[in-house]
C-alpha cells in the first residue's frame, strides 16, 4: 500500500496494552487499537496514557 493512501488523524492514548499496543481515542471519538512504528520501537520511545499521538490509518 502506498504512503499516500494513508489517513492521518490525531488522537490520545487512553489505555496501554501489552506488546507496545495502545488503545487510542481519535478526534472523531472513535477508539482504535494501535501499535508504535519500528523506528520508535528501535529508539525506545516511551508512550504513556494521556499522550497525544498522530495515527496513520489505512482505508482498508
PDB file of N, CA and C in Angstrom:
ATOM      1  N   UNK A   1       0.851  -1.174   0.000  1.00  0.00           N
ATOM      2  CA  UNK A   1       0.000   0.000   0.000  1.00  0.00           C
ATOM      3  C   UNK A   1       0.895   1.235   0.000  1.00  0.00           C
ATOM      4  N   UNK A   2       0.568   2.173  -0.849  1.00  0.00           N
ATOM      5  CA  UNK A   2       1.386   3.374  -0.992  1.00  0.00           C
ATOM      6  C   UNK A   2       1.209   4.309   0.192  1.00  0.00           C
ATOM      7  N   UNK A   3       2.240   5.085   0.464  1.00  0.00           N
ATOM      8  CA  UNK A   3       2.227   6.021   1.590  1.00  0.00           C
ATOM      9  C   UNK A   3       1.098   7.040   1.452  1.00  0.00           C
ATOM     10  N   UNK A   4       0.771   7.462   0.225  1.00  0.00           N
ATOM     11  CA  UNK A   4      -0.266   8.479   0.049  1.00  0.00           C
ATOM     12  C   UNK A   4      -1.675   7.937   0.294  1.00  0.00           C
ATOM     13  N   UNK A   5      -1.834   6.626   0.418  1.00  0.00           N
ATOM     14  CA  UNK A   5      -3.144   6.038   0.692  1.00  0.00           C
ATOM     15  C   UNK A   5      -3.503   6.058   2.173  1.00  0.00           C
ATOM     16  N   UNK A   6      -2.603   6.529   3.028  1.00  0.00           N
ATOM     17  CA  UNK A   6      -2.852   6.536   4.465  1.00  0.00           C
ATOM     18  C   UNK A   6      -3.665   7.754   4.883  1.00  0.00           C
ATOM     19  N   UNK A   7      -4.465   7.581   5.930  1.00  0.00           N
ATOM     20  CA  UNK A   7      -5.233   8.672   6.529  1.00  0.00           C
ATOM     21  C   UNK A   7      -4.559   9.009   7.853  1.00  0.00           C
ATOM     22  N   UNK A   8      -4.222  10.273   8.055  1.00  0.00           N
ATOM     23  CA  UNK A   8      -3.563  10.716   9.287  1.00  0.00           C
ATOM     24  C   UNK A   8      -4.574  11.389  10.197  1.00  0.00           C
ATOM     25  N   UNK A   9      -4.613  10.964  11.459  1.00  0.00           N
ATOM     26  CA  UNK A   9      -5.524  11.557  12.432  1.00  0.00           C
ATOM     27  C   UNK A   9      -4.786  11.759  13.746  1.00  0.00           C
ATOM     28  N   UNK A  10      -5.251  12.724  14.529  1.00  0.00           N
ATOM     29  CA  UNK A  10      -4.707  12.953  15.860  1.00  0.00           C
ATOM     30  C   UNK A  10      -5.569  12.220  16.874  1.00  0.00           C
ATOM     31  N   UNK A  11      -4.953  11.797  17.961  1.00  0.00           N
ATOM     32  CA  UNK A  11      -5.685  11.096  19.000  1.00  0.00           C
ATOM     33  C   UNK A  11      -4.965  11.184  20.327  1.00  0.00           C
ATOM     34  N   UNK A  12      -5.548  10.517  21.321  1.00  0.00           N
ATOM     35  CA  UNK A  12      -4.979  10.498  22.665  1.00  0.00           C
ATOM     36  C   UNK A  12      -4.975   9.068  23.173  1.00  0.00           C
ATOM     37  N   UNK A  13      -3.863   8.655  23.763  1.00  0.00           N
ATOM     38  CA  UNK A  13      -3.738   7.304  24.315  1.00  0.00           C
ATOM     39  C   UNK A  13      -4.604   7.218  25.568  1.00  0.00           C
ATOM     40  N   UNK A  14      -5.547   6.271  25.576  1.00  0.00           N
ATOM     41  CA  UNK A  14      -6.426   6.128  26.739  1.00  0.00           C
ATOM     42  C   UNK A  14      -6.107   4.875  27.551  1.00  0.00           C
ATOM     43  N   UNK A  15      -5.348   3.941  26.939  1.00  0.00           N
ATOM     44  CA  UNK A  15      -5.007   2.709  27.662  1.00  0.00           C
ATOM     45  C   UNK A  15      -3.745   2.110  27.048  1.00  0.00           C
ATOM     46  N   UNK A  16      -2.870   1.610  27.898  1.00  0.00           N
ATOM     47  CA  UNK A  16      -1.662   0.925  27.442  1.00  0.00           C
ATOM     48  C   UNK A  16      -1.900  -0.571  27.542  1.00  0.00           C
ATOM     49  N   UNK A  17      -1.664  -1.280  26.441  1.00  0.00           N
ATOM     50  CA  UNK A  17      -1.856  -2.722  26.370  1.00  0.00           C
ATOM     51  C   UNK A  17      -0.493  -3.402  26.231  1.00  0.00           C
ATOM     52  N   UNK A  18      -0.433  -4.721  26.383  1.00  0.00           N
ATOM     53  CA  UNK A  18       0.856  -5.417  26.266  1.00  0.00           C
ATOM     54  C   UNK A  18       1.450  -5.327  24.853  1.00  0.00           C
ATOM     55  N   UNK A  19       2.750  -5.562  24.763  1.00  0.00           N
ATOM     56  CA  UNK A  19       3.485  -5.628  23.497  1.00  0.00           C
ATOM     57  C   UNK A  19       3.417  -4.334  22.691  1.00  0.00           C
ATOM     58  N   UNK A  20       3.648  -3.216  23.341  1.00  0.00           N
ATOM     59  CA  UNK A  20       3.658  -1.882  22.715  1.00  0.00           C
ATOM     60  C   UNK A  20       2.412  -1.628  21.867  1.00  0.00           C
ATOM     61  N   UNK A  21       1.270  -2.015  22.402  1.00  0.00           N
ATOM     62  CA  UNK A  21      -0.018  -1.767  21.766  1.00  0.00           C
ATOM     63  C   UNK A  21      -0.795  -0.806  22.651  1.00  0.00           C
ATOM     64  N   UNK A  22      -1.592   0.044  22.027  1.00  0.00           N
ATOM     65  CA  UNK A  22      -2.299   1.086  22.764  1.00  0.00           C
ATOM     66  C   UNK A  22      -3.726   1.217  22.261  1.00  0.00           C
ATOM     67  N   UNK A  23      -4.615   1.637  23.152  1.00  0.00           N
ATOM     68  CA  UNK A  23      -5.971   1.995  22.757  1.00  0.00           C
ATOM     69  C   UNK A  23      -5.976   3.515  22.640  1.00  0.00           C
ATOM     70  N   UNK A  24      -6.359   4.007  21.453  1.00  0.00           N
ATOM     71  CA  UNK A  24      -6.279   5.430  21.143  1.00  0.00           C
ATOM     72  C   UNK A  24      -7.665   5.954  20.792  1.00  0.00           C
ATOM     73  N   UNK A  25      -8.030   7.084  21.414  1.00  0.00           N
ATOM     74  CA  UNK A  25      -9.293   7.751  21.107  1.00  0.00           C
ATOM     75  C   UNK A  25      -8.996   8.846  20.092  1.00  0.00           C
ATOM     76  N   UNK A  26      -9.603   8.747  18.912  1.00  0.00           N
ATOM     77  CA  UNK A  26      -9.360   9.699  17.835  1.00  0.00           C
ATOM     78  C   UNK A  26     -10.184  10.964  18.020  1.00  0.00           C
ATOM     79  N   UNK A  27      -9.898  11.978  17.192  1.00  0.00           N
ATOM     80  CA  UNK A  27     -10.623  13.254  17.258  1.00  0.00           C
ATOM     81  C   UNK A  27     -12.123  13.072  17.061  1.00  0.00           C
ATOM     82  N   UNK A  28     -12.500  12.106  16.215  1.00  0.00           N
ATOM     83  CA  UNK A  28     -13.912  11.892  15.907  1.00  0.00           C
ATOM     84  C   UNK A  28     -14.584  10.926  16.889  1.00  0.00           C
ATOM     85  N   UNK A  29     -13.963  10.734  18.053  1.00  0.00           N
ATOM     86  CA  UNK A  29     -14.487   9.918  19.157  1.00  0.00           C
ATOM     87  C   UNK A  29     -14.427   8.408  18.904  1.00  0.00           C
ATOM     88  N   UNK A  30     -13.878   7.945  17.782  1.00  0.00           N
ATOM     89  CA  UNK A  30     -13.689   6.517  17.567  1.00  0.00           C
ATOM     90  C   UNK A  30     -12.504   6.043  18.410  1.00  0.00           C
ATOM     91  N   UNK A  31     -12.571   4.798  18.868  1.00  0.00           N
ATOM     92  CA  UNK A  31     -11.476   4.213  19.642  1.00  0.00           C
ATOM     93  C   UNK A  31     -10.868   3.091  18.804  1.00  0.00           C
ATOM     94  N   UNK A  32      -9.549   3.146  18.601  1.00  0.00           N
ATOM     95  CA  UNK A  32      -8.850   2.141  17.805  1.00  0.00           C
ATOM     96  C   UNK A  32      -7.706   1.552  18.620  1.00  0.00           C
ATOM     97  N   UNK A  33      -7.268   0.363  18.225  1.00  0.00           N
ATOM     98  CA  UNK A  33      -6.084  -0.252  18.809  1.00  0.00           C
ATOM     99  C   UNK A  33      -4.920   0.040  17.871  1.00  0.00           C
ATOM    100  N   UNK A  34      -3.835   0.561  18.410  1.00  0.00           N
ATOM    101  CA  UNK A  34      -2.698   0.968  17.585  1.00  0.00           C
ATOM    102  C   UNK A  34      -1.400   0.412  18.158  1.00  0.00           C
ATOM    103  N   UNK A  35      -0.380   0.358  17.315  1.00  0.00           N
ATOM    104  CA  UNK A  35       0.957  -0.040  17.774  1.00  0.00           C
ATOM    105  C   UNK A  35       1.957   0.987  17.268  1.00  0.00           C
ATOM    106  N   UNK A  36       3.134   1.017  17.888  1.00  0.00           N
ATOM    107  CA  UNK A  36       4.117   2.031  17.512  1.00  0.00           C
ATOM    108  C   UNK A  36       4.906   1.575  16.287  1.00  0.00           C
ATOM    109  N   UNK A  37       5.484   2.537  15.602  1.00  0.00           N
ATOM    110  CA  UNK A  37       6.274   2.238  14.412  1.00  0.00           C
ATOM    111  C   UNK A  37       7.600   1.597  14.810  1.00  0.00           C
ATOM    112  N   UNK A  38       8.242   0.958  13.869  1.00  0.00           N
ATOM    113  CA  UNK A  38       9.521   0.295  14.112  1.00  0.00           C
ATOM    114  C   UNK A  38      10.606   1.251  14.561  1.00  0.00           C
ATOM    115  N   UNK A  39      10.613   2.458  13.998  1.00  0.00           N
ATOM    116  CA  UNK A  39      11.638   3.443  14.366  1.00  0.00           C
ATOM    117  C   UNK A  39      11.476   3.860  15.830  1.00  0.00           C
ATOM    118  N   UNK A  40      10.238   4.025  16.287  1.00  0.00           N
ATOM    119  CA  UNK A  40      10.003   4.396  17.690  1.00  0.00           C
ATOM    120  C   UNK A  40      10.384   3.240  18.614  1.00  0.00           C
ATOM    121  N   UNK A  41      10.123   2.031  18.185  1.00  0.00           N
ATOM    122  CA  UNK A  41      10.478   0.853  18.987  1.00  0.00           C
ATOM    123  C   UNK A  41      11.995   0.718  19.075  1.00  0.00           C
ATOM    124  N   UNK A  42      12.681   0.944  17.966  1.00  0.00           N
ATOM    125  CA  UNK A  42      14.138   0.832  17.919  1.00  0.00           C
ATOM    126  C   UNK A  42      14.811   1.842  18.845  1.00  0.00           C
ATOM    127  N   UNK A  43      14.254   3.045  18.944  1.00  0.00           N
ATOM    128  CA  UNK A  43      14.841   4.110  19.759  1.00  0.00           C
ATOM    129  C   UNK A  43      14.262   4.174  21.169  1.00  0.00           C
ATOM    130  N   UNK A  44      13.488   3.173  21.550  1.00  0.00           N
ATOM    131  CA  UNK A  44      12.926   3.057  22.904  1.00  0.00           C
ATOM    132  C   UNK A  44      12.121   4.292  23.312  1.00  0.00           C
ATOM    133  N   UNK A  45      11.284   4.791  22.410  1.00  0.00           N
ATOM    134  CA  UNK A  45      10.412   5.920  22.724  1.00  0.00           C
ATOM    135  C   UNK A  45       9.285   5.408  23.615  1.00  0.00           C
ATOM    136  N   UNK A  46       9.061   6.071  24.745  1.00  0.00           N
ATOM    137  CA  UNK A  46       8.011   5.650  25.676  1.00  0.00           C
ATOM    138  C   UNK A  46       6.748   6.449  25.423  1.00  0.00           C
ATOM    139  N   UNK A  47       5.630   5.760  25.343  1.00  0.00           N
ATOM    140  CA  UNK A  47       4.326   6.391  25.181  1.00  0.00           C
ATOM    141  C   UNK A  47       3.514   6.044  26.416  1.00  0.00           C
ATOM    142  N   UNK A  48       2.948   7.055  27.051  1.00  0.00           N
ATOM    143  CA  UNK A  48       2.188   6.864  28.280  1.00  0.00           C
ATOM    144  C   UNK A  48       0.730   7.231  28.062  1.00  0.00           C
ATOM    145  N   UNK A  49      -0.130   6.774  28.959  1.00  0.00           N
ATOM    146  CA  UNK A  49      -1.544   7.124  28.916  1.00  0.00           C
ATOM    147  C   UNK A  49      -1.687   8.637  29.018  1.00  0.00           C
ATOM    148  N   UNK A  50      -2.504   9.209  28.135  1.00  0.00           N
ATOM    149  CA  UNK A  50      -2.706  10.655  28.120  1.00  0.00           C
ATOM    150  C   UNK A  50      -1.880  11.373  27.070  1.00  0.00           C
ATOM    151  N   UNK A  51      -0.911  10.692  26.468  1.00  0.00           N
ATOM    152  CA  UNK A  51      -0.083  11.314  25.431  1.00  0.00           C
ATOM    153  C   UNK A  51      -0.903  11.568  24.170  1.00  0.00           C
ATOM    154  N   UNK A  52      -0.621  12.684  23.512  1.00  0.00           N
ATOM    155  CA  UNK A  52      -1.231  12.999  22.220  1.00  0.00           C
ATOM    156  C   UNK A  52      -0.386  12.321  21.152  1.00  0.00           C
ATOM    157  N   UNK A  53      -1.036  11.640  20.217  1.00  0.00           N
ATOM    158  CA  UNK A  53      -0.324  10.911  19.171  1.00  0.00           C
ATOM    159  C   UNK A  53      -0.942  11.198  17.809  1.00  0.00           C
ATOM    160  N   UNK A  54      -0.167  10.949  16.770  1.00  0.00           N
ATOM    161  CA  UNK A  54      -0.653  11.031  15.401  1.00  0.00           C
ATOM    162  C   UNK A  54      -0.741   9.599  14.894  1.00  0.00           C
ATOM    163  N   UNK A  55      -1.900   9.219  14.369  1.00  0.00           N
ATOM    164  CA  UNK A  55      -2.154   7.846  13.951  1.00  0.00           C
ATOM    165  C   UNK A  55      -2.325   7.818  12.440  1.00  0.00           C
ATOM    166  N   UNK A  56      -1.672   6.866  11.781  1.00  0.00           N
ATOM    167  CA  UNK A  56      -1.858   6.655  10.351  1.00  0.00           C
ATOM    168  C   UNK A  56      -2.748   5.433  10.177  1.00  0.00           C
ATOM    169  N   UNK A  57      -3.850   5.610   9.457  1.00  0.00           N
ATOM    170  CA  UNK A  57      -4.840   4.550   9.276  1.00  0.00           C
ATOM    171  C   UNK A  57      -4.954   4.236   7.792  1.00  0.00           C
ATOM    172  N   UNK A  58      -4.984   2.953   7.453  1.00  0.00           N
ATOM    173  CA  UNK A  58      -5.215   2.574   6.065  1.00  0.00           C
ATOM    174  C   UNK A  58      -6.719   2.567   5.814  1.00  0.00           C
ATOM    175  N   UNK A  59      -7.157   2.903   4.623  1.00  0.00           N
ATOM    176  CA  UNK A  59      -8.599   2.899   4.324  1.00  0.00           C
ATOM    177  C   UNK A  59      -9.129   1.494   4.064  1.00  0.00           C
ATOM    178  N   UNK A  60      -8.440   0.505   4.512  1.00  0.00           N
ATOM    179  CA  UNK A  60      -8.730  -0.906   4.294  1.00  0.00           C
ATOM    180  C   UNK A  60      -9.963  -1.332   5.030  1.00  0.00           C
TER     181      UNK A  60
END
